[in-house]
Amino acid sequence: MKKRQIAGQIMASALALGMLLGGCGSSESATAPAYDNLSGANAKSAVAESFAMPEEEAYEEMDYEETTDAAPAAAEGGESASQSESVATNRKLIKRVNLTAETQEFDKLTRFIEKRVEELGGYMESSDVYSGSLYNGGRTRNASYTARVPVAKMNELVNAVGENSNITNKSESAEDVTLEYVDNKSRKEALEVEMDRLMEILKQADDVDTIIELERRITDVRYEIQNLESRLRTYDNLVDFATVNITVTEVEVYTPEPVKKQSDWERMTQGFMHSLKSLGRGILDFLIAIVIDLPYLILWGGIIAVIVLIVRKFIKGKDKRAEKRAAKKAKKEAAAAERAAAAAAKRAQNAGQTPGQMAPASQEKTPELNRALQIDEKKPSDQ
């Protein structure tokens, strides 16, 4: 039933297109009106009738060859098998490889990779080389490359990098884009057929509305064709050229390859030696860091020393001021005691007491007087 509908639509489309072209060639035809007499809704319906076949069914008609009902079942089986073999041999695979490599000769390996990619007919899509920094002693260098080489040369590049470095990680992947590629290609071919039909009708069209409608559709179709062509070119590039991502790290000692299970003594010995090497490397890095940062250490040491001196001077001045206040207070107390003793003596004299009787009153104030005298004597020596 579906085959008959497709055949009927094709016949209707061909008939409508022939009537339009015949009407444009002869204005006196009685079976179909002249194309230049079509306008408005008639023009749009005529254009629509010429492209009445659905797009999906058009793809189906182009992609698959239908066999007749009288064809034997064996022939169909053989044809499907040959198609499967053809698809299998023409698959579109995007291949990618990721490599992580260690080297003790960083400059030599990076130059080798760049030169080898060029010799294999590829190119560097991106590269990033880090040559170390003074802040980490300038010892750590690494590089990362994204190389594009022909698929046939991919393994050759991978083997060349492995022979000149220590590969610590390797991963491969292949993405099958056959269905997407075939779908885009079929759609592009269908749009090209539609473009040819539109151009043929446009040559025969005289009505302004029809011309505008055709040109608008032609613009849309051309834009879609260009997008599909760009997508197909991208697929071709990804399929024809494999992507090889290479990360290079400079090391002093290569990562050991997996070996048989070690004994406890071997593990302790290797672990102890590794710890000694790490300790020596840490001490060396510490000394190098001190020498590198020595100007900063001197600067900050001077600033800290000045701050300490200022604080000590401030504390010492504060103690001196406290001693002065204590001496002044004691002197005032001594003067007050002297005045009190004099007043007591005067009162005793007025009361008719003898100087011997006044002695105990004056002796009670003697310790205060002595303390004031001691503070007065000590003050010049501190200053």
Protein backbone atom coordinates (compact mmCIF):
# COMPACT_ATOMS: atom_id res chain seq x y z
CA MET A 1 0.00 0.00 0.00
CA LYS A 2 2.82 2.40 0.89
CA LYS A 3 4.61 1.69 -2.40
CA ARG A 4 1.47 2.52 -4.35
CA GLN A 5 0.98 5.79 -2.44
CA ILE A 6 4.58 6.83 -3.18
CA ALA A 7 4.21 5.92 -6.87
CA GLY A 8 0.91 7.82 -7.05
CA GLN A 9 2.39 10.91 -5.47
CA ILE A 10 5.35 10.81 -7.85
CA MET A 11 3.00 10.55 -10.83
CA ALA A 12 0.86 13.42 -9.51
CA SER A 13 3.91 15.58 -8.93
CA ALA A 14 5.27 14.87 -12.43
CA LEU A 15 1.87 15.56 -13.99
CA ALA A 16 1.47 18.85 -12.13
CA LEU A 17 4.99 19.94 -13.10
CA GLY A 18 4.34 19.03 -16.77
CA MET A 19 1.07 20.95 -16.78
CA LEU A 20 2.74 24.01 -15.30
CA LEU A 21 5.58 23.92 -17.80
CA GLY A 22 3.15 23.25 -20.67
CA GLY A 23 0.94 26.12 -19.57
CA CYS A 24 3.93 28.46 -19.48
CA GLY A 25 4.92 27.41 -23.01
CA SER A 26 1.47 27.80 -24.58
CA SER A 27 -1.17 30.27 -23.43
CA GLU A 28 -3.87 28.64 -25.63
CA SER A 29 -3.81 25.21 -23.97
CA ALA A 30 -7.27 24.09 -22.83
CA THR A 31 -6.14 21.30 -20.46
CA ALA A 32 -3.98 23.50 -18.12
CA PRO A 33 -3.95 27.27 -17.53
CA ALA A 34 -0.88 29.32 -18.47
CA TYR A 35 1.59 29.80 -15.56
CA ASP A 36 1.72 33.55 -16.08
CA ASN A 37 -2.04 33.71 -15.46
CA LEU A 38 -1.65 32.11 -12.00
CA SER A 39 -1.63 34.47 -9.06
CA GLY A 40 -2.28 34.50 -5.32
CA ALA A 41 -3.71 31.24 -4.00
CA ASN A 42 -3.61 29.55 -7.43
CA ALA A 43 0.13 30.20 -7.75
CA LYS A 44 0.90 28.91 -4.25
CA SER A 45 -1.25 25.81 -4.78
CA ALA A 46 0.50 25.10 -8.07
CA VAL A 47 3.91 25.31 -6.39
CA ALA A 48 2.69 23.17 -3.50
CA GLU A 49 1.34 20.53 -5.88
CA SER A 50 4.72 20.27 -7.59
CA PHE A 51 6.27 19.32 -4.24
CA ALA A 52 3.44 17.26 -2.79
CA MET A 53 5.62 14.28 -1.90
CA PRO A 54 6.54 14.28 1.80
CA GLU A 55 10.18 14.78 2.65
CA GLU A 56 10.54 11.61 4.70
CA GLU A 57 9.07 9.51 1.88
CA ALA A 58 11.44 11.20 -0.54
CA TYR A 59 14.35 10.08 1.64
CA GLU A 60 12.93 6.59 1.69
CA GLU A 61 12.62 6.57 -2.09
CA MET A 62 16.23 7.73 -2.53
CA ASP A 63 17.87 5.56 0.13
CA TYR A 64 16.29 2.23 -0.59
CA GLU A 65 15.70 0.41 -3.86
CA GLU A 66 12.35 -1.39 -3.86
CA THR A 67 12.15 -4.83 -5.42
CA THR A 68 9.18 -6.00 -7.46
CA ASP A 69 6.66 -8.43 -6.05
CA ALA A 70 7.86 -11.12 -8.48
CA ALA A 71 11.48 -10.95 -7.25
CA PRO A 72 12.49 -14.11 -5.40
CA ALA A 73 13.14 -14.03 -1.66
CA ALA A 74 16.68 -15.31 -2.18
CA ALA A 75 17.54 -12.24 -4.27
CA GLU A 76 16.32 -9.97 -1.48
CA GLY A 77 18.44 -11.84 1.05
CA GLY A 78 21.54 -11.56 -1.14
CA GLU A 79 20.99 -7.85 -1.73
CA SER A 80 20.56 -7.11 1.99
CA ALA A 81 23.72 -9.07 2.76
CA SER A 82 25.72 -7.12 0.17
CA GLN A 83 24.35 -3.84 1.55
CA SER A 84 25.39 -4.86 5.09
CA GLU A 85 28.89 -5.68 3.88
CA SER A 86 29.09 -2.34 2.07
CA VAL A 87 28.02 -0.42 5.18
CA ALA A 88 30.50 -2.37 7.32
CA THR A 89 33.40 -1.55 5.00
CA ASN A 90 32.41 2.12 4.63
CA ARG A 91 31.82 2.97 8.26
CA LYS A 92 32.66 6.49 9.40
CA LEU A 93 34.75 6.15 12.56
CA ILE A 94 36.21 9.07 14.53
CA LYS A 95 39.32 7.74 16.29
CA ARG A 96 40.97 9.37 19.31
CA VAL A 97 44.06 8.40 21.34
CA ASN A 98 45.18 9.84 24.71
CA LEU A 99 48.82 9.41 25.79
CA THR A 100 50.60 10.39 29.03
CA ALA A 101 54.39 10.24 28.69
CA GLU A 102 57.35 10.79 31.03
CA THR A 103 60.77 11.93 29.84
CA GLN A 104 64.15 12.86 31.23
CA GLU A 105 64.97 14.85 28.07
CA PHE A 106 62.08 17.28 27.81
CA ASP A 107 63.41 19.54 25.04
CA LYS A 108 64.44 16.62 22.86
CA LEU A 109 61.08 14.85 23.15
CA THR A 110 58.96 17.95 22.46
CA ARG A 111 60.99 18.75 19.34
CA PHE A 112 60.68 15.12 18.22
CA ILE A 113 56.86 15.09 18.58
CA GLU A 114 56.39 18.34 16.65
CA LYS A 115 58.69 17.19 13.86
CA ARG A 116 57.21 13.69 13.66
CA VAL A 117 53.63 14.95 13.35
CA GLU A 118 54.67 17.12 10.42
CA GLU A 119 56.53 14.26 8.74
CA LEU A 120 53.44 12.03 8.94
CA GLY A 121 51.38 14.60 7.04
CA GLY A 122 49.49 15.88 10.08
CA TYR A 123 49.31 19.16 11.96
CA MET A 124 49.16 20.48 15.50
CA GLU A 125 45.65 21.56 16.40
CA SER A 126 46.86 22.99 19.73
CA SER A 127 49.99 22.94 21.90
CA ASP A 128 50.85 24.20 25.38
CA VAL A 129 54.42 24.04 26.72
CA TYR A 130 55.21 25.02 30.34
CA SER A 131 58.95 25.52 30.88
CA GLY A 132 58.96 25.81 34.68
CA SER A 133 59.05 28.74 37.08
CA LEU A 134 61.44 30.24 39.64
CA TYR A 135 58.83 29.74 42.35
CA ASN A 136 59.13 25.96 42.18
CA GLY A 137 62.85 25.81 41.46
CA GLY A 138 62.36 25.68 37.70
CA ARG A 139 62.53 21.86 37.71
CA THR A 140 58.97 20.89 36.72
CA ARG A 141 58.24 21.20 33.00
CA ASN A 142 55.33 19.77 31.05
CA ALA A 143 53.62 20.06 27.69
CA SER A 144 50.30 19.07 26.14
CA TYR A 145 49.62 18.57 22.41
CA THR A 146 46.54 17.88 20.33
CA ALA A 147 47.86 16.41 17.07
CA ARG A 148 45.80 15.54 13.97
CA VAL A 149 47.34 12.86 11.76
CA PRO A 150 45.92 10.63 9.00
CA VAL A 151 44.19 7.58 10.42
CA ALA A 152 46.64 5.27 8.66
CA LYS A 153 49.55 7.02 10.45
CA MET A 154 48.01 7.10 13.93
CA ASN A 155 49.66 3.94 15.25
CA GLU A 156 52.99 5.03 13.80
CA LEU A 157 52.89 8.25 15.82
CA VAL A 158 51.84 6.41 18.99
CA ASN A 159 54.69 3.89 18.61
CA ALA A 160 57.22 6.67 17.92
CA VAL A 161 56.25 8.51 21.12
CA GLY A 162 56.40 5.25 23.11
CA GLU A 163 59.90 4.47 21.83
CA ASN A 164 61.25 7.87 22.95
CA SER A 165 59.52 8.17 26.34
CA ASN A 166 57.92 6.21 29.16
CA ILE A 167 54.18 5.82 28.54
CA THR A 168 52.26 5.78 31.83
CA ASN A 169 48.73 5.95 30.40
CA LYS A 170 47.19 5.13 27.03
CA SER A 171 43.54 5.09 25.98
CA GLU A 172 41.84 4.75 22.60
CA SER A 173 38.27 5.37 21.46
CA ALA A 174 36.32 5.16 18.20
CA GLU A 175 33.00 6.92 17.61
CA ASP A 176 30.78 5.53 14.86
CA VAL A 177 29.04 8.39 12.99
CA THR A 178 27.95 6.34 9.98
CA LEU A 179 24.22 6.82 10.56
CA GLU A 180 24.55 10.57 11.11
CA TYR A 181 26.73 10.90 8.03
CA VAL A 182 24.36 8.93 5.77
CA ASP A 183 21.35 10.82 7.11
CA ASN A 184 22.94 14.22 6.45
CA LYS A 185 24.12 13.15 3.01
CA SER A 186 20.66 11.86 2.04
CA ARG A 187 19.04 15.03 3.26
CA LYS A 188 21.51 17.12 1.27
CA GLU A 189 20.81 15.16 -1.91
CA ALA A 190 17.05 15.54 -1.41
CA LEU A 191 17.45 19.29 -0.94
CA GLU A 192 19.57 19.50 -4.09
CA VAL A 193 16.80 17.78 -6.07
CA GLU A 194 14.31 20.22 -4.61
CA MET A 195 16.61 23.11 -5.54
CA ASP A 196 16.75 21.93 -9.17
CA ARG A 197 12.95 21.76 -9.35
CA LEU A 198 12.60 25.21 -7.82
CA MET A 199 15.08 26.69 -10.28
CA GLU A 200 13.23 25.14 -13.23
CA ILE A 201 9.91 26.56 -12.07
CA LEU A 202 11.48 29.94 -11.33
CA LYS A 203 12.71 30.18 -14.95
CA GLN A 204 9.16 29.74 -16.23
CA ALA A 205 7.39 31.88 -13.59
CA ASP A 206 6.11 35.37 -14.51
CA ASP A 207 3.81 36.11 -11.58
CA VAL A 208 5.42 38.37 -8.93
CA ASP A 209 3.90 36.55 -5.95
CA THR A 210 5.04 33.20 -7.29
CA ILE A 211 8.56 34.51 -7.90
CA ILE A 212 8.78 35.90 -4.37
CA GLU A 213 7.54 32.65 -2.88
CA LEU A 214 9.99 30.63 -4.96
CA GLU A 215 12.95 32.85 -4.10
CA ARG A 216 12.13 32.63 -0.39
CA ARG A 217 12.05 28.85 -0.56
CA ILE A 218 15.23 28.76 -2.65
CA THR A 219 17.00 30.85 0.01
CA ASP A 220 15.92 28.46 2.78
CA VAL A 221 16.95 25.40 0.80
CA ARG A 222 20.33 26.88 -0.11
CA TYR A 223 20.97 27.73 3.56
CA GLU A 224 20.13 24.18 4.64
CA ILE A 225 22.36 22.72 1.93
CA GLN A 226 25.29 24.87 3.07
CA ASN A 227 24.83 23.80 6.69
CA LEU A 228 24.74 20.15 5.70
CA GLU A 229 27.83 20.54 3.51
CA SER A 230 29.69 22.14 6.42
CA ARG A 231 28.63 19.32 8.72
CA LEU A 232 29.73 16.68 6.21
CA ARG A 233 33.11 18.38 5.77
CA THR A 234 33.55 18.36 9.55
CA TYR A 235 32.74 14.65 9.68
CA ASP A 236 35.17 13.97 6.82
CA ASN A 237 37.95 15.81 8.61
CA LEU A 238 37.34 13.98 11.89
CA VAL A 239 37.16 10.63 10.12
CA ASP A 240 40.18 11.11 7.86
CA PHE A 241 42.42 12.59 10.59
CA ALA A 242 42.72 10.89 13.96
CA THR A 243 43.05 13.01 17.11
CA VAL A 244 46.07 12.20 19.30
CA ASN A 245 46.26 13.98 22.68
CA ILE A 246 49.77 13.82 24.18
CA THR A 247 50.72 14.99 27.69
CA VAL A 248 54.48 15.14 28.39
CA THR A 249 55.95 15.50 31.90
CA GLU A 250 59.63 15.92 32.78
CA VAL A 251 60.78 13.62 35.60
CA GLU A 252 64.03 12.64 37.26
CA VAL A 253 63.09 8.98 37.73
CA TYR A 254 60.73 7.02 35.48
CA THR A 255 57.67 5.37 36.95
CA PRO A 256 58.58 1.68 37.23
CA GLU A 257 56.68 -0.78 35.11
CA PRO A 258 54.48 -3.37 36.84
CA VAL A 259 56.56 -6.39 37.88
CA LYS A 260 55.94 -9.60 39.73
CA LYS A 261 54.88 -9.52 43.36
CA GLN A 262 57.74 -8.38 45.62
CA SER A 263 58.80 -9.91 48.89
CA ASP A 264 58.49 -8.04 52.17
CA TRP A 265 62.25 -7.43 52.30
CA GLU A 266 62.26 -5.99 48.76
CA ARG A 267 59.32 -3.75 49.56
CA MET A 268 61.02 -2.46 52.75
CA THR A 269 64.33 -1.89 50.96
CA GLN A 270 62.78 -0.03 48.04
CA GLY A 271 60.50 1.96 50.37
CA PHE A 272 63.45 2.95 52.58
CA MET A 273 65.52 4.07 49.60
CA HIS A 274 62.57 5.98 48.21
CA SER A 275 62.12 7.74 51.57
CA LEU A 276 65.82 8.67 51.67
CA LYS A 277 65.63 10.11 48.19
CA SER A 278 62.47 12.04 49.04
CA LEU A 279 64.09 13.37 52.23
CA GLY A 280 67.22 14.50 50.37
CA ARG A 281 65.12 16.10 47.66
CA GLY A 282 63.02 17.87 50.32
CA ILE A 283 66.08 19.26 52.12
CA LEU A 284 67.56 20.44 48.84
CA ASP A 285 64.31 22.10 47.85
CA PHE A 286 64.13 23.78 51.28
CA LEU A 287 67.66 25.19 50.96
CA ILE A 288 66.96 26.38 47.44
CA ALA A 289 63.75 28.05 48.61
CA ILE A 290 65.62 29.82 51.43
CA VAL A 291 68.26 31.15 49.02
CA ILE A 292 65.58 32.27 46.56
CA ASP A 293 63.54 33.99 49.29
CA LEU A 294 66.54 35.42 51.17
CA PRO A 295 65.85 39.07 50.18
CA TYR A 296 62.31 38.78 51.51
CA LEU A 297 63.56 37.14 54.73
CA ILE A 298 66.05 39.97 55.31
CA LEU A 299 63.39 42.59 54.68
CA TRP A 300 60.84 41.03 57.02
CA GLY A 301 63.54 40.34 59.65
CA GLY A 302 64.49 44.04 59.71
CA ILE A 303 60.85 45.09 60.00
CA ILE A 304 60.25 42.66 62.88
CA ALA A 305 63.43 43.84 64.67
CA VAL A 306 62.34 47.49 64.45
CA ILE A 307 58.91 46.59 65.82
CA VAL A 308 60.47 44.68 68.76
CA LEU A 309 62.74 47.63 69.64
CA ILE A 310 59.84 50.05 69.57
CA VAL A 311 57.76 47.81 71.85
CA ARG A 312 60.62 47.30 74.32
CA LYS A 313 61.29 51.04 74.49
CA PHE A 314 57.64 51.71 75.08
CA ILE A 315 57.48 49.15 77.92
CA LYS A 316 60.69 50.51 79.53
CA GLY A 317 59.38 54.07 79.39
CA LYS A 318 56.13 52.93 80.93
CA ASP A 319 58.04 51.36 83.89
CA LYS A 320 60.07 54.52 84.41
CA ARG A 321 56.95 56.63 84.47
CA ALA A 322 55.43 54.29 87.06
CA GLU A 323 58.55 54.59 89.26
CA LYS A 324 58.47 58.36 89.02
CA ARG A 325 54.85 58.43 90.05
CA ALA A 326 55.60 56.11 93.02
CA ALA A 327 58.57 58.30 94.15
CA LYS A 328 56.53 61.46 93.89
CA LYS A 329 53.73 59.87 95.92
CA ALA A 330 56.20 58.70 98.61
CA LYS A 331 57.75 62.16 98.79
CA LYS A 332 54.37 63.68 99.28
CA GLU A 333 53.61 61.19 102.04
CA ALA A 334 56.96 61.96 103.71
CA ALA A 335 56.30 65.69 103.56
CA ALA A 336 52.85 65.14 105.02
CA ALA A 337 54.39 63.03 107.80
CA GLU A 338 56.92 65.77 108.56
CA ARG A 339 54.19 68.34 108.73
CA ALA A 340 52.17 66.11 111.02
CA ALA A 341 55.21 65.55 113.28
CA ALA A 342 55.88 69.28 113.44
CA ALA A 343 52.29 69.97 114.29
CA ALA A 344 52.37 67.31 117.02
CA ALA A 345 55.58 68.79 118.47
CA LYS A 346 54.08 72.18 118.47
CA ARG A 347 50.98 70.94 120.25
CA ALA A 348 53.13 69.15 122.80
CA GLN A 349 55.18 72.26 123.38
CA ASN A 350 52.08 74.24 123.94
CA ALA A 351 50.88 71.59 126.40
CA GLY A 352 54.15 71.86 128.43
CA GLN A 353 55.69 68.49 127.45
CA THR A 354 59.40 67.98 127.39
CA PRO A 355 61.32 67.09 124.22
CA GLY A 356 61.88 63.57 125.68
CA GLN A 357 58.18 63.02 125.81
CA MET A 358 57.86 64.07 122.17
CA ALA A 359 60.27 61.41 120.97
CA PRO A 360 57.81 58.55 120.58
CA ALA A 361 55.58 60.66 118.33
CA SER A 362 58.52 61.58 116.13
CA GLN A 363 59.85 58.00 116.03
CA GLU A 364 56.57 56.68 114.66
CA LYS A 365 57.17 58.62 111.47
CA THR A 366 60.80 57.63 111.06
CA PRO A 367 60.17 54.60 108.65
CA GLU A 368 58.17 56.77 106.24
CA LEU A 369 60.90 59.35 106.23
CA ASN A 370 63.54 56.69 105.62
CA ARG A 371 61.56 55.22 102.68
CA ALA A 372 61.21 58.65 101.09
CA LEU A 373 64.94 59.27 101.52
CA GLN A 374 65.77 55.88 99.95
CA ILE A 375 63.58 56.61 96.91
CA ASP A 376 65.18 60.03 96.50
CA GLU A 377 68.62 58.48 96.62
CA LYS A 378 67.69 55.70 94.13
CA LYS A 379 66.09 58.03 91.59
CA PRO A 380 69.27 59.67 90.22
CA SER A 381 70.97 56.27 89.81
CA ASP A 382 68.08 54.87 87.66
CA GLN A 383 68.08 57.93 85.47
